[in-house]
Amino acid sequence: MISQQYRTSALVILVFFVALTVAACGTGDKGPALRVETIELKLHPSGARILTGTVFNDSDTAVGGAQIQITLFDDKNRRVDGMYAVVREIPAHGSADFREPVQSDFDVQAARVRSVVVLN
């Protein structure tokens, strides 16, 4: 059985690290405005499933790279898996395409972008 003092100490440490992480994450600057459009899941005759899409950079700053977190869904729209796509060199006011194989054991029928993280 875990003592009350140990639980309190662990909670204080956890709150400290969460506060430190929030403080380190930003100064209010949101960075480049990236958005993903035209995401599409394609099934090739060979059976390969390929996820394609386009990342748009709406800012005045070129982006060296971005990581796109994608949620995968089955035919009943249930979340079954996830994946990442990395896109390099997105010009200011421009776009870059990505193409990634879906490596999941589930019967993936749809995909949705969960988040985009700038890698600069």
PDB file of N, CA and C in Angstrom:
ATOM      1  N   MET A   1       0.845  -1.179   0.000  1.00  0.00           N
ATOM      2  CA  MET A   1       0.000   0.000   0.000  1.00  0.00           C
ATOM      3  C   MET A   1       0.885   1.234   0.000  1.00  0.00           C
ATOM      4  N   ILE A   2       0.563   2.195  -0.850  1.00  0.00           N
ATOM      5  CA  ILE A   2       1.343   3.415  -0.973  1.00  0.00           C
ATOM      6  C   ILE A   2       0.881   4.402   0.089  1.00  0.00           C
ATOM      7  N   SER A   3       1.850   4.989   0.794  1.00  0.00           N
ATOM      8  CA  SER A   3       1.500   5.908   1.866  1.00  0.00           C
ATOM      9  C   SER A   3       0.967   7.224   1.319  1.00  0.00           C
ATOM     10  N   GLN A   4       0.200   7.930   2.151  1.00  0.00           N
ATOM     11  CA  GLN A   4      -0.373   9.221   1.764  1.00  0.00           C
ATOM     12  C   GLN A   4       0.738  10.231   1.502  1.00  0.00           C
ATOM     13  N   GLN A   5       1.808  10.201   2.286  1.00  0.00           N
ATOM     14  CA  GLN A   5       2.916  11.136   2.113  1.00  0.00           C
ATOM     15  C   GLN A   5       3.594  10.903   0.748  1.00  0.00           C
ATOM     16  N   TYR A   6       3.759   9.645   0.354  1.00  0.00           N
ATOM     17  CA  TYR A   6       4.371   9.324  -0.938  1.00  0.00           C
ATOM     18  C   TYR A   6       3.493   9.819  -2.076  1.00  0.00           C
ATOM     19  N   ARG A   7       2.183   9.602  -1.984  1.00  0.00           N
ATOM     20  CA  ARG A   7       1.261  10.069  -3.022  1.00  0.00           C
ATOM     21  C   ARG A   7       1.284  11.589  -3.136  1.00  0.00           C
ATOM     22  N   THR A   8       1.311  12.285  -1.996  1.00  0.00           N
ATOM     23  CA  THR A   8       1.356  13.747  -2.009  1.00  0.00           C
ATOM     24  C   THR A   8       2.648  14.239  -2.655  1.00  0.00           C
ATOM     25  N   SER A   9       3.773  13.620  -2.310  1.00  0.00           N
ATOM     26  CA  SER A   9       5.062  14.000  -2.898  1.00  0.00           C
ATOM     27  C   SER A   9       5.064  13.762  -4.401  1.00  0.00           C
ATOM     28  N   ALA A  10       4.532  12.633  -4.841  1.00  0.00           N
ATOM     29  CA  ALA A  10       4.485  12.316  -6.267  1.00  0.00           C
ATOM     30  C   ALA A  10       3.605  13.323  -6.999  1.00  0.00           C
ATOM     31  N   LEU A  11       2.489  13.713  -6.393  1.00  0.00           N
ATOM     32  CA  LEU A  11       1.593  14.689  -7.007  1.00  0.00           C
ATOM     33  C   LEU A  11       2.265  16.053  -7.131  1.00  0.00           C
ATOM     34  N   VAL A  12       2.991  16.470  -6.105  1.00  0.00           N
ATOM     35  CA  VAL A  12       3.699  17.753  -6.138  1.00  0.00           C
ATOM     36  C   VAL A  12       4.756  17.734  -7.246  1.00  0.00           C
ATOM     37  N   ILE A  13       5.485  16.655  -7.382  1.00  0.00           N
ATOM     38  CA  ILE A  13       6.504  16.536  -8.433  1.00  0.00           C
ATOM     39  C   ILE A  13       5.842  16.578  -9.801  1.00  0.00           C
ATOM     40  N   LEU A  14       4.730  15.866  -9.971  1.00  0.00           N
ATOM     41  CA  LEU A  14       4.018  15.853 -11.243  1.00  0.00           C
ATOM     42  C   LEU A  14       3.529  17.253 -11.616  1.00  0.00           C
ATOM     43  N   VAL A  15       2.937  17.964 -10.662  1.00  0.00           N
ATOM     44  CA  VAL A  15       2.453  19.326 -10.917  1.00  0.00           C
ATOM     45  C   VAL A  15       3.616  20.236 -11.288  1.00  0.00           C
ATOM     46  N   PHE A  16       4.754  20.078 -10.629  1.00  0.00           N
ATOM     47  CA  PHE A  16       5.939  20.891 -10.942  1.00  0.00           C
ATOM     48  C   PHE A  16       6.382  20.666 -12.379  1.00  0.00           C
ATOM     49  N   PHE A  17       6.474  19.401 -12.812  1.00  0.00           N
ATOM     50  CA  PHE A  17       6.912  19.109 -14.174  1.00  0.00           C
ATOM     51  C   PHE A  17       5.896  19.570 -15.220  1.00  0.00           C
ATOM     52  N   VAL A  18       4.617  19.469 -14.921  1.00  0.00           N
ATOM     53  CA  VAL A  18       3.603  19.972 -15.855  1.00  0.00           C
ATOM     54  C   VAL A  18       3.735  21.485 -15.992  1.00  0.00           C
ATOM     55  N   ALA A  19       3.907  22.192 -14.890  1.00  0.00           N
ATOM     56  CA  ALA A  19       4.066  23.648 -14.928  1.00  0.00           C
ATOM     57  C   ALA A  19       5.336  24.032 -15.680  1.00  0.00           C
ATOM     58  N   LEU A  20       6.413  23.303 -15.456  1.00  0.00           N
ATOM     59  CA  LEU A  20       7.671  23.558 -16.149  1.00  0.00           C
ATOM     60  C   LEU A  20       7.518  23.330 -17.644  1.00  0.00           C
ATOM     61  N   THR A  21       6.819  22.273 -18.022  1.00  0.00           N
ATOM     62  CA  THR A  21       6.594  21.974 -19.433  1.00  0.00           C
ATOM     63  C   THR A  21       5.750  23.057 -20.090  1.00  0.00           C
ATOM     64  N   VAL A  22       4.690  23.494 -19.436  1.00  0.00           N
ATOM     65  CA  VAL A  22       3.847  24.551 -19.984  1.00  0.00           C
ATOM     66  C   VAL A  22       4.650  25.837 -20.138  1.00  0.00           C
ATOM     67  N   ALA A  23       5.476  26.165 -19.173  1.00  0.00           N
ATOM     68  CA  ALA A  23       6.281  27.384 -19.244  1.00  0.00           C
ATOM     69  C   ALA A  23       7.290  27.305 -20.385  1.00  0.00           C
ATOM     70  N   ALA A  24       7.855  26.135 -20.618  1.00  0.00           N
ATOM     71  CA  ALA A  24       8.862  25.973 -21.670  1.00  0.00           C
ATOM     72  C   ALA A  24       8.252  25.899 -23.055  1.00  0.00           C
ATOM     73  N   CYS A  25       6.971  25.599 -23.139  1.00  0.00           N
ATOM     74  CA  CYS A  25       6.343  25.381 -24.445  1.00  0.00           C
ATOM     75  C   CYS A  25       6.024  26.643 -25.197  1.00  0.00           C
ATOM     76  N   GLY A  26       5.992  27.749 -24.568  1.00  0.00           N
ATOM     77  CA  GLY A  26       5.642  28.884 -25.404  1.00  0.00           C
ATOM     78  C   GLY A  26       5.729  30.208 -24.720  1.00  0.00           C
ATOM     79  N   THR A  27       5.938  31.189 -25.564  1.00  0.00           N
ATOM     80  CA  THR A  27       5.962  32.566 -25.123  1.00  0.00           C
ATOM     81  C   THR A  27       4.797  33.311 -25.749  1.00  0.00           C
ATOM     82  N   GLY A  28       3.821  32.564 -26.274  1.00  0.00           N
ATOM     83  CA  GLY A  28       2.702  33.186 -26.942  1.00  0.00           C
ATOM     84  C   GLY A  28       2.873  33.166 -28.453  1.00  0.00           C
ATOM     85  N   ASP A  29       4.075  32.900 -28.952  1.00  0.00           N
ATOM     86  CA  ASP A  29       4.332  32.832 -30.387  1.00  0.00           C
ATOM     87  C   ASP A  29       3.896  31.477 -30.889  1.00  0.00           C
ATOM     88  N   LYS A  30       2.953  31.470 -31.822  1.00  0.00           N
ATOM     89  CA  LYS A  30       2.419  30.213 -32.325  1.00  0.00           C
ATOM     90  C   LYS A  30       3.280  29.604 -33.417  1.00  0.00           C
ATOM     91  N   GLY A  31       4.236  30.347 -33.954  1.00  0.00           N
ATOM     92  CA  GLY A  31       5.088  29.824 -35.016  1.00  0.00           C
ATOM     93  C   GLY A  31       4.354  29.793 -36.342  1.00  0.00           C
ATOM     94  N   PRO A  32       4.938  29.121 -37.322  1.00  0.00           N
ATOM     95  CA  PRO A  32       4.320  29.056 -38.652  1.00  0.00           C
ATOM     96  C   PRO A  32       2.941  28.405 -38.609  1.00  0.00           C
ATOM     97  N   ALA A  33       2.038  28.942 -39.418  1.00  0.00           N
ATOM     98  CA  ALA A  33       0.675  28.420 -39.502  1.00  0.00           C
ATOM     99  C   ALA A  33       0.628  27.321 -40.563  1.00  0.00           C
ATOM    100  N   LEU A  34       0.588  26.071 -40.136  1.00  0.00           N
ATOM    101  CA  LEU A  34       0.524  24.938 -41.057  1.00  0.00           C
ATOM    102  C   LEU A  34      -0.860  24.319 -41.006  1.00  0.00           C
ATOM    103  N   ARG A  35      -1.332  23.870 -42.164  1.00  0.00           N
ATOM    104  CA  ARG A  35      -2.606  23.153 -42.217  1.00  0.00           C
ATOM    105  C   ARG A  35      -2.476  22.028 -43.233  1.00  0.00           C
ATOM    106  N   VAL A  36      -3.192  20.957 -42.979  1.00  0.00           N
ATOM    107  CA  VAL A  36      -3.161  19.793 -43.864  1.00  0.00           C
ATOM    108  C   VAL A  36      -4.495  19.709 -44.588  1.00  0.00           C
ATOM    109  N   GLU A  37      -4.416  19.543 -45.902  1.00  0.00           N
ATOM    110  CA  GLU A  37      -5.627  19.394 -46.713  1.00  0.00           C
ATOM    111  C   GLU A  37      -5.443  18.234 -47.673  1.00  0.00           C
ATOM    112  N   THR A  38      -6.504  17.884 -48.300  1.00  0.00           N
ATOM    113  CA  THR A  38      -6.549  16.828 -49.316  1.00  0.00           C
ATOM    114  C   THR A  38      -5.944  15.513 -48.825  1.00  0.00           C
ATOM    115  N   ILE A  39      -6.193  15.175 -47.560  1.00  0.00           N
ATOM    116  CA  ILE A  39      -5.716  13.890 -47.047  1.00  0.00           C
ATOM    117  C   ILE A  39      -6.595  12.788 -47.652  1.00  0.00           C
ATOM    118  N   GLU A  40      -5.940  11.735 -48.148  1.00  0.00           N
ATOM    119  CA  GLU A  40      -6.673  10.679 -48.836  1.00  0.00           C
ATOM    120  C   GLU A  40      -6.011   9.326 -48.577  1.00  0.00           C
ATOM    121  N   LEU A  41      -6.838   8.342 -48.315  1.00  0.00           N
ATOM    122  CA  LEU A  41      -6.382   6.970 -48.122  1.00  0.00           C
ATOM    123  C   LEU A  41      -6.673   6.197 -49.402  1.00  0.00           C
ATOM    124  N   LYS A  42      -5.624   5.658 -50.023  1.00  0.00           N
ATOM    125  CA  LYS A  42      -5.778   4.945 -51.295  1.00  0.00           C
ATOM    126  C   LYS A  42      -5.393   3.485 -51.125  1.00  0.00           C
ATOM    127  N   LEU A  43      -6.188   2.610 -51.720  1.00  0.00           N
ATOM    128  CA  LEU A  43      -5.885   1.182 -51.732  1.00  0.00           C
ATOM    129  C   LEU A  43      -5.404   0.826 -53.136  1.00  0.00           C
ATOM    130  N   HIS A  44      -4.171   0.381 -53.236  1.00  0.00           N
ATOM    131  CA  HIS A  44      -3.594   0.018 -54.527  1.00  0.00           C
ATOM    132  C   HIS A  44      -3.954  -1.424 -54.877  1.00  0.00           C
ATOM    133  N   PRO A  45      -3.933  -1.769 -56.164  1.00  0.00           N
ATOM    134  CA  PRO A  45      -4.260  -3.139 -56.590  1.00  0.00           C
ATOM    135  C   PRO A  45      -3.406  -4.206 -55.898  1.00  0.00           C
ATOM    136  N   SER A  46      -2.200  -3.838 -55.516  1.00  0.00           N
ATOM    137  CA  SER A  46      -1.316  -4.784 -54.833  1.00  0.00           C
ATOM    138  C   SER A  46      -1.748  -5.049 -53.388  1.00  0.00           C
ATOM    139  N   GLY A  47      -2.692  -4.242 -52.893  1.00  0.00           N
ATOM    140  CA  GLY A  47      -3.145  -4.374 -51.510  1.00  0.00           C
ATOM    141  C   GLY A  47      -2.518  -3.353 -50.587  1.00  0.00           C
ATOM    142  N   ALA A  48      -1.532  -2.613 -51.079  1.00  0.00           N
ATOM    143  CA  ALA A  48      -0.889  -1.586 -50.260  1.00  0.00           C
ATOM    144  C   ALA A  48      -1.851  -0.437 -50.001  1.00  0.00           C
ATOM    145  N   ARG A  49      -1.841   0.049 -48.781  1.00  0.00           N
ATOM    146  CA  ARG A  49      -2.651   1.216 -48.415  1.00  0.00           C
ATOM    147  C   ARG A  49      -1.708   2.406 -48.272  1.00  0.00           C
ATOM    148  N   ILE A  50      -1.983   3.471 -49.001  1.00  0.00           N
ATOM    149  CA  ILE A  50      -1.127   4.650 -49.006  1.00  0.00           C
ATOM    150  C   ILE A  50      -1.942   5.862 -48.585  1.00  0.00           C
ATOM    151  N   LEU A  51      -1.387   6.629 -47.649  1.00  0.00           N
ATOM    152  CA  LEU A  51      -2.018   7.855 -47.201  1.00  0.00           C
ATOM    153  C   LEU A  51      -1.273   9.026 -47.845  1.00  0.00           C
ATOM    154  N   THR A  52      -2.014   9.886 -48.540  1.00  0.00           N
ATOM    155  CA  THR A  52      -1.406  11.045 -49.182  1.00  0.00           C
ATOM    156  C   THR A  52      -2.084  12.313 -48.689  1.00  0.00           C
ATOM    157  N   GLY A  53      -1.377  13.419 -48.814  1.00  0.00           N
ATOM    158  CA  GLY A  53      -1.949  14.693 -48.421  1.00  0.00           C
ATOM    159  C   GLY A  53      -1.024  15.834 -48.767  1.00  0.00           C
ATOM    160  N   THR A  54      -1.484  17.023 -48.477  1.00  0.00           N
ATOM    161  CA  THR A  54      -0.718  18.232 -48.748  1.00  0.00           C
ATOM    162  C   THR A  54      -0.718  19.107 -47.505  1.00  0.00           C
ATOM    163  N   VAL A  55       0.474  19.609 -47.155  1.00  0.00           N
ATOM    164  CA  VAL A  55       0.625  20.528 -46.037  1.00  0.00           C
ATOM    165  C   VAL A  55       0.834  21.924 -46.605  1.00  0.00           C
ATOM    166  N   PHE A  56       0.048  22.879 -46.130  1.00  0.00           N
ATOM    167  CA  PHE A  56       0.151  24.261 -46.571  1.00  0.00           C
ATOM    168  C   PHE A  56       0.768  25.103 -45.461  1.00  0.00           C
ATOM    169  N   ASN A  57       1.689  25.970 -45.841  1.00  0.00           N
ATOM    170  CA  ASN A  57       2.338  26.887 -44.913  1.00  0.00           C
ATOM    171  C   ASN A  57       1.807  28.283 -45.209  1.00  0.00           C
ATOM    172  N   ASP A  58       0.960  28.803 -44.345  1.00  0.00           N
ATOM    173  CA  ASP A  58       0.339  30.108 -44.553  1.00  0.00           C
ATOM    174  C   ASP A  58       1.160  31.258 -43.964  1.00  0.00           C
ATOM    175  N   SER A  59       2.374  30.969 -43.524  1.00  0.00           N
ATOM    176  CA  SER A  59       3.179  32.008 -42.877  1.00  0.00           C
ATOM    177  C   SER A  59       4.220  32.588 -43.832  1.00  0.00           C
ATOM    178  N   ASP A  60       4.918  33.612 -43.344  1.00  0.00           N
ATOM    179  CA  ASP A  60       5.995  34.254 -44.100  1.00  0.00           C
ATOM    180  C   ASP A  60       7.333  33.551 -43.908  1.00  0.00           C
ATOM    181  N   THR A  61       7.347  32.460 -43.138  1.00  0.00           N
ATOM    182  CA  THR A  61       8.573  31.757 -42.801  1.00  0.00           C
ATOM    183  C   THR A  61       8.563  30.343 -43.369  1.00  0.00           C
ATOM    184  N   ALA A  62       9.645  29.970 -44.054  1.00  0.00           N
ATOM    185  CA  ALA A  62       9.774  28.595 -44.542  1.00  0.00           C
ATOM    186  C   ALA A  62       9.940  27.656 -43.350  1.00  0.00           C
ATOM    187  N   VAL A  63       9.456  26.442 -43.497  1.00  0.00           N
ATOM    188  CA  VAL A  63       9.532  25.435 -42.436  1.00  0.00           C
ATOM    189  C   VAL A  63      10.412  24.295 -42.927  1.00  0.00           C
ATOM    190  N   GLY A  64      11.412  23.945 -42.131  1.00  0.00           N
ATOM    191  CA  GLY A  64      12.331  22.870 -42.505  1.00  0.00           C
ATOM    192  C   GLY A  64      11.702  21.498 -42.427  1.00  0.00           C
ATOM    193  N   GLY A  65      10.704  21.336 -41.587  1.00  0.00           N
ATOM    194  CA  GLY A  65      10.035  20.047 -41.472  1.00  0.00           C
ATOM    195  C   GLY A  65       8.848  20.106 -40.533  1.00  0.00           C
ATOM    196  N   ALA A  66       7.954  19.149 -40.707  1.00  0.00           N
ATOM    197  CA  ALA A  66       6.777  19.036 -39.844  1.00  0.00           C
ATOM    198  C   ALA A  66       6.432  17.570 -39.665  1.00  0.00           C
ATOM    199  N   GLN A  67       5.933  17.239 -38.492  1.00  0.00           N
ATOM    200  CA  GLN A  67       5.461  15.877 -38.202  1.00  0.00           C
ATOM    201  C   GLN A  67       3.953  15.945 -38.066  1.00  0.00           C
ATOM    202  N   ILE A  68       3.273  15.119 -38.848  1.00  0.00           N
ATOM    203  CA  ILE A  68       1.812  15.093 -38.851  1.00  0.00           C
ATOM    204  C   ILE A  68       1.359  13.828 -38.139  1.00  0.00           C
ATOM    205  N   GLN A  69       0.599  13.970 -37.075  1.00  0.00           N
ATOM    206  CA  GLN A  69       0.046  12.825 -36.362  1.00  0.00           C
ATOM    207  C   GLN A  69      -1.335  12.551 -36.941  1.00  0.00           C
ATOM    208  N   ILE A  70      -1.567  11.301 -37.336  1.00  0.00           N
ATOM    209  CA  ILE A  70      -2.796  10.915 -38.031  1.00  0.00           C
ATOM    210  C   ILE A  70      -3.492   9.801 -37.258  1.00  0.00           C
ATOM    211  N   THR A  71      -4.798   9.934 -37.082  1.00  0.00           N
ATOM    212  CA  THR A  71      -5.610   8.899 -36.448  1.00  0.00           C
ATOM    213  C   THR A  71      -6.280   8.084 -37.546  1.00  0.00           C
ATOM    214  N   LEU A  72      -6.274   6.755 -37.378  1.00  0.00           N
ATOM    215  CA  LEU A  72      -6.852   5.843 -38.367  1.00  0.00           C
ATOM    216  C   LEU A  72      -8.140   5.234 -37.810  1.00  0.00           C
ATOM    217  N   PHE A  73      -9.154   5.091 -38.698  1.00  0.00           N
ATOM    218  CA  PHE A  73     -10.473   4.614 -38.293  1.00  0.00           C
ATOM    219  C   PHE A  73     -10.902   3.410 -39.126  1.00  0.00           C
ATOM    220  N   ASP A  74     -11.766   2.564 -38.548  1.00  0.00           N
ATOM    221  CA  ASP A  74     -12.310   1.420 -39.283  1.00  0.00           C
ATOM    222  C   ASP A  74     -13.599   1.832 -40.002  1.00  0.00           C
ATOM    223  N   ASP A  75     -14.298   0.855 -40.570  1.00  0.00           N
ATOM    224  CA  ASP A  75     -15.507   1.153 -41.342  1.00  0.00           C
ATOM    225  C   ASP A  75     -16.679   1.620 -40.483  1.00  0.00           C
ATOM    226  N   LYS A  76     -16.590   1.452 -39.160  1.00  0.00           N
ATOM    227  CA  LYS A  76     -17.629   1.932 -38.245  1.00  0.00           C
ATOM    228  C   LYS A  76     -17.214   3.247 -37.578  1.00  0.00           C
ATOM    229  N   ASN A  77     -16.176   3.863 -38.145  1.00  0.00           N
ATOM    230  CA  ASN A  77     -15.639   5.132 -37.654  1.00  0.00           C
ATOM    231  C   ASN A  77     -15.103   5.039 -36.227  1.00  0.00           C
ATOM    232  N   ARG A  78     -14.576   3.884 -35.879  1.00  0.00           N
ATOM    233  CA  ARG A  78     -13.932   3.689 -34.579  1.00  0.00           C
ATOM    234  C   ARG A  78     -12.433   3.869 -34.747  1.00  0.00           C
ATOM    235  N   ARG A  79     -11.817   4.577 -33.809  1.00  0.00           N
ATOM    236  CA  ARG A  79     -10.369   4.769 -33.840  1.00  0.00           C
ATOM    237  C   ARG A  79      -9.691   3.420 -33.594  1.00  0.00           C
ATOM    238  N   VAL A  80      -8.845   3.009 -34.554  1.00  0.00           N
ATOM    239  CA  VAL A  80      -8.201   1.704 -34.426  1.00  0.00           C
ATOM    240  C   VAL A  80      -6.679   1.782 -34.372  1.00  0.00           C
ATOM    241  N   ASP A  81      -6.096   2.882 -34.834  1.00  0.00           N
ATOM    242  CA  ASP A  81      -4.640   2.962 -34.869  1.00  0.00           C
ATOM    243  C   ASP A  81      -4.224   4.404 -35.135  1.00  0.00           C
ATOM    244  N   GLY A  82      -2.936   4.617 -35.235  1.00  0.00           N
ATOM    245  CA  GLY A  82      -2.407   5.935 -35.547  1.00  0.00           C
ATOM    246  C   GLY A  82      -1.091   5.806 -36.277  1.00  0.00           C
ATOM    247  N   MET A  83      -0.659   6.898 -36.864  1.00  0.00           N
ATOM    248  CA  MET A  83       0.605   6.905 -37.588  1.00  0.00           C
ATOM    249  C   MET A  83       1.112   8.338 -37.689  1.00  0.00           C
ATOM    250  N   TYR A  84       2.361   8.471 -38.136  1.00  0.00           N
ATOM    251  CA  TYR A  84       2.975   9.766 -38.350  1.00  0.00           C
ATOM    252  C   TYR A  84       3.442   9.874 -39.792  1.00  0.00           C
ATOM    253  N   ALA A  85       3.451  11.090 -40.301  1.00  0.00           N
ATOM    254  CA  ALA A  85       4.058  11.400 -41.594  1.00  0.00           C
ATOM    255  C   ALA A  85       4.972  12.597 -41.362  1.00  0.00           C
ATOM    256  N   VAL A  86       6.163  12.538 -41.923  1.00  0.00           N
ATOM    257  CA  VAL A  86       7.105  13.645 -41.805  1.00  0.00           C
ATOM    258  C   VAL A  86       7.222  14.317 -43.161  1.00  0.00           C
ATOM    259  N   VAL A  87       7.120  15.637 -43.157  1.00  0.00           N
ATOM    260  CA  VAL A  87       7.211  16.430 -44.381  1.00  0.00           C
ATOM    261  C   VAL A  87       8.399  17.362 -44.220  1.00  0.00           C
ATOM    262  N   ARG A  88       9.240  17.425 -45.241  1.00  0.00           N
ATOM    263  CA  ARG A  88      10.431  18.289 -45.215  1.00  0.00           C
ATOM    264  C   ARG A  88      10.241  19.471 -46.165  1.00  0.00           C
ATOM    265  N   GLU A  89      10.858  20.585 -45.809  1.00  0.00           N
ATOM    266  CA  GLU A  89      10.953  21.762 -46.672  1.00  0.00           C
ATOM    267  C   GLU A  89       9.600  22.257 -47.187  1.00  0.00           C
ATOM    268  N   ILE A  90       8.918  23.004 -46.350  1.00  0.00           N
ATOM    269  CA  ILE A  90       7.643  23.616 -46.740  1.00  0.00           C
ATOM    270  C   ILE A  90       7.906  25.111 -46.898  1.00  0.00           C
ATOM    271  N   PRO A  91       7.876  25.623 -48.125  1.00  0.00           N
ATOM    272  CA  PRO A  91       8.212  27.036 -48.341  1.00  0.00           C
ATOM    273  C   PRO A  91       7.163  27.977 -47.750  1.00  0.00           C
ATOM    274  N   ALA A  92       7.590  29.204 -47.475  1.00  0.00           N
ATOM    275  CA  ALA A  92       6.665  30.238 -47.013  1.00  0.00           C
ATOM    276  C   ALA A  92       5.578  30.430 -48.066  1.00  0.00           C
ATOM    277  N   HIS A  93       4.341  30.507 -47.630  1.00  0.00           N
ATOM    278  CA  HIS A  93       3.181  30.667 -48.515  1.00  0.00           C
ATOM    279  C   HIS A  93       3.159  29.588 -49.598  1.00  0.00           C
ATOM    280  N   GLY A  94       3.633  28.404 -49.263  1.00  0.00           N
ATOM    281  CA  GLY A  94       3.676  27.307 -50.228  1.00  0.00           C
ATOM    282  C   GLY A  94       3.131  26.029 -49.632  1.00  0.00           C
ATOM    283  N   SER A  95       3.419  24.922 -50.289  1.00  0.00           N
ATOM    284  CA  SER A  95       2.901  23.631 -49.829  1.00  0.00           C
ATOM    285  C   SER A  95       3.905  22.527 -50.123  1.00  0.00           C
ATOM    286  N   ALA A  96       3.684  21.379 -49.499  1.00  0.00           N
ATOM    287  CA  ALA A  96       4.488  20.185 -49.735  1.00  0.00           C
ATOM    288  C   ALA A  96       3.574  18.972 -49.597  1.00  0.00           C
ATOM    289  N   ASP A  97       3.778  18.010 -50.471  1.00  0.00           N
ATOM    290  CA  ASP A  97       2.979  16.783 -50.442  1.00  0.00           C
ATOM    291  C   ASP A  97       3.657  15.731 -49.585  1.00  0.00           C
ATOM    292  N   PHE A  98       2.847  14.819 -49.037  1.00  0.00           N
ATOM    293  CA  PHE A  98       3.405  13.652 -48.351  1.00  0.00           C
ATOM    294  C   PHE A  98       2.696  12.399 -48.838  1.00  0.00           C
ATOM    295  N   ARG A  99       3.398  11.294 -48.696  1.00  0.00           N
ATOM    296  CA  ARG A  99       2.894   9.981 -49.131  1.00  0.00           C
ATOM    297  C   ARG A  99       3.504   8.943 -48.201  1.00  0.00           C
ATOM    298  N   GLU A 100       2.683   8.274 -47.415  1.00  0.00           N
ATOM    299  CA  GLU A 100       3.159   7.305 -46.433  1.00  0.00           C
ATOM    300  C   GLU A 100       2.356   6.014 -46.516  1.00  0.00           C
ATOM    301  N   PRO A 101       3.030   4.874 -46.442  1.00  0.00           N
ATOM    302  CA  PRO A 101       2.292   3.619 -46.379  1.00  0.00           C
ATOM    303  C   PRO A 101       1.623   3.464 -45.007  1.00  0.00           C
ATOM    304  N   VAL A 102       0.439   2.888 -45.010  1.00  0.00           N
ATOM    305  CA  VAL A 102      -0.269   2.615 -43.762  1.00  0.00           C
ATOM    306  C   VAL A 102       0.159   1.223 -43.309  1.00  0.00           C
ATOM    307  N   GLN A 103       0.848   1.172 -42.189  1.00  0.00           N
ATOM    308  CA  GLN A 103       1.344  -0.101 -41.673  1.00  0.00           C
ATOM    309  C   GLN A 103       0.566  -0.452 -40.411  1.00  0.00           C
ATOM    310  N   SER A 104      -0.615  -0.972 -40.629  1.00  0.00           N
ATOM    311  CA  SER A 104      -1.502  -1.328 -39.532  1.00  0.00           C
ATOM    312  C   SER A 104      -2.124  -2.686 -39.826  1.00  0.00           C
ATOM    313  N   ASP A 105      -2.345  -3.467 -38.786  1.00  0.00           N
ATOM    314  CA  ASP A 105      -2.990  -4.765 -38.939  1.00  0.00           C
ATOM    315  C   ASP A 105      -4.515  -4.641 -38.996  1.00  0.00           C
ATOM    316  N   PHE A 106      -5.034  -3.450 -38.742  1.00  0.00           N
ATOM    317  CA  PHE A 106      -6.471  -3.229 -38.733  1.00  0.00           C
ATOM    318  C   PHE A 106      -6.986  -2.901 -40.133  1.00  0.00           C
ATOM    319  N   ASP A 107      -8.285  -3.062 -40.324  1.00  0.00           N
ATOM    320  CA  ASP A 107      -8.929  -2.742 -41.594  1.00  0.00           C
ATOM    321  C   ASP A 107      -9.219  -1.241 -41.618  1.00  0.00           C
ATOM    322  N   VAL A 108      -8.218  -0.465 -41.933  1.00  0.00           N
ATOM    323  CA  VAL A 108      -8.320   0.989 -41.917  1.00  0.00           C
ATOM    324  C   VAL A 108      -9.118   1.458 -43.125  1.00  0.00           C
ATOM    325  N   GLN A 109     -10.131   2.287 -42.855  1.00  0.00           N
ATOM    326  CA  GLN A 109     -10.997   2.794 -43.918  1.00  0.00           C
ATOM    327  C   GLN A 109     -10.993   4.314 -44.020  1.00  0.00           C
ATOM    328  N   ALA A 110     -10.473   4.996 -43.006  1.00  0.00           N
ATOM    329  CA  ALA A 110     -10.471   6.455 -43.009  1.00  0.00           C
ATOM    330  C   ALA A 110      -9.328   6.971 -42.148  1.00  0.00           C
ATOM    331  N   ALA A 111      -8.974   8.231 -42.387  1.00  0.00           N
ATOM    332  CA  ALA A 111      -7.877   8.859 -41.639  1.00  0.00           C
ATOM    333  C   ALA A 111      -8.218  10.313 -41.375  1.00  0.00           C
ATOM    334  N   ARG A 112      -7.714  10.826 -40.246  1.00  0.00           N
ATOM    335  CA  ARG A 112      -7.927  12.238 -39.897  1.00  0.00           C
ATOM    336  C   ARG A 112      -6.664  12.763 -39.223  1.00  0.00           C
ATOM    337  N   VAL A 113      -6.293  13.988 -39.560  1.00  0.00           N
ATOM    338  CA  VAL A 113      -5.130  14.618 -38.946  1.00  0.00           C
ATOM    339  C   VAL A 113      -5.464  14.973 -37.507  1.00  0.00           C
ATOM    340  N   ARG A 114      -4.578  14.559 -36.618  1.00  0.00           N
ATOM    341  CA  ARG A 114      -4.776  14.856 -35.202  1.00  0.00           C
ATOM    342  C   ARG A 114      -3.994  16.098 -34.788  1.00  0.00           C
ATOM    343  N   SER A 115      -2.744  16.221 -35.278  1.00  0.00           N
ATOM    344  CA  SER A 115      -1.944  17.394 -34.952  1.00  0.00           C
ATOM    345  C   SER A 115      -0.808  17.554 -35.947  1.00  0.00           C
ATOM    346  N   VAL A 116      -0.251  18.755 -35.967  1.00  0.00           N
ATOM    347  CA  VAL A 116       0.909  19.057 -36.803  1.00  0.00           C
ATOM    348  C   VAL A 116       1.933  19.736 -35.910  1.00  0.00           C
ATOM    349  N   VAL A 117       3.161  19.217 -35.901  1.00  0.00           N
ATOM    350  CA  VAL A 117       4.237  19.769 -35.081  1.00  0.00           C
ATOM    351  C   VAL A 117       5.358  20.225 -35.999  1.00  0.00           C
ATOM    352  N   VAL A 118       5.773  21.490 -35.844  1.00  0.00           N
ATOM    353  CA  VAL A 118       6.886  22.011 -36.631  1.00  0.00           C
ATOM    354  C   VAL A 118       8.180  21.470 -36.038  1.00  0.00           C
ATOM    355  N   LEU A 119       9.084  20.972 -36.896  1.00  0.00           N
ATOM    356  CA  LEU A 119      10.310  20.318 -36.440  1.00  0.00           C
ATOM    357  C   LEU A 119      11.540  21.220 -36.478  1.00  0.00           C
ATOM    358  N   ASN A 120      11.412  22.484 -36.826  1.00  0.00           N
ATOM    359  CA  ASN A 120      12.590  23.355 -36.931  1.00  0.00           C
ATOM    360  C   ASN A 120      13.372  23.384 -35.659  1.00  0.00           C
TER     361      ASN A 120
END
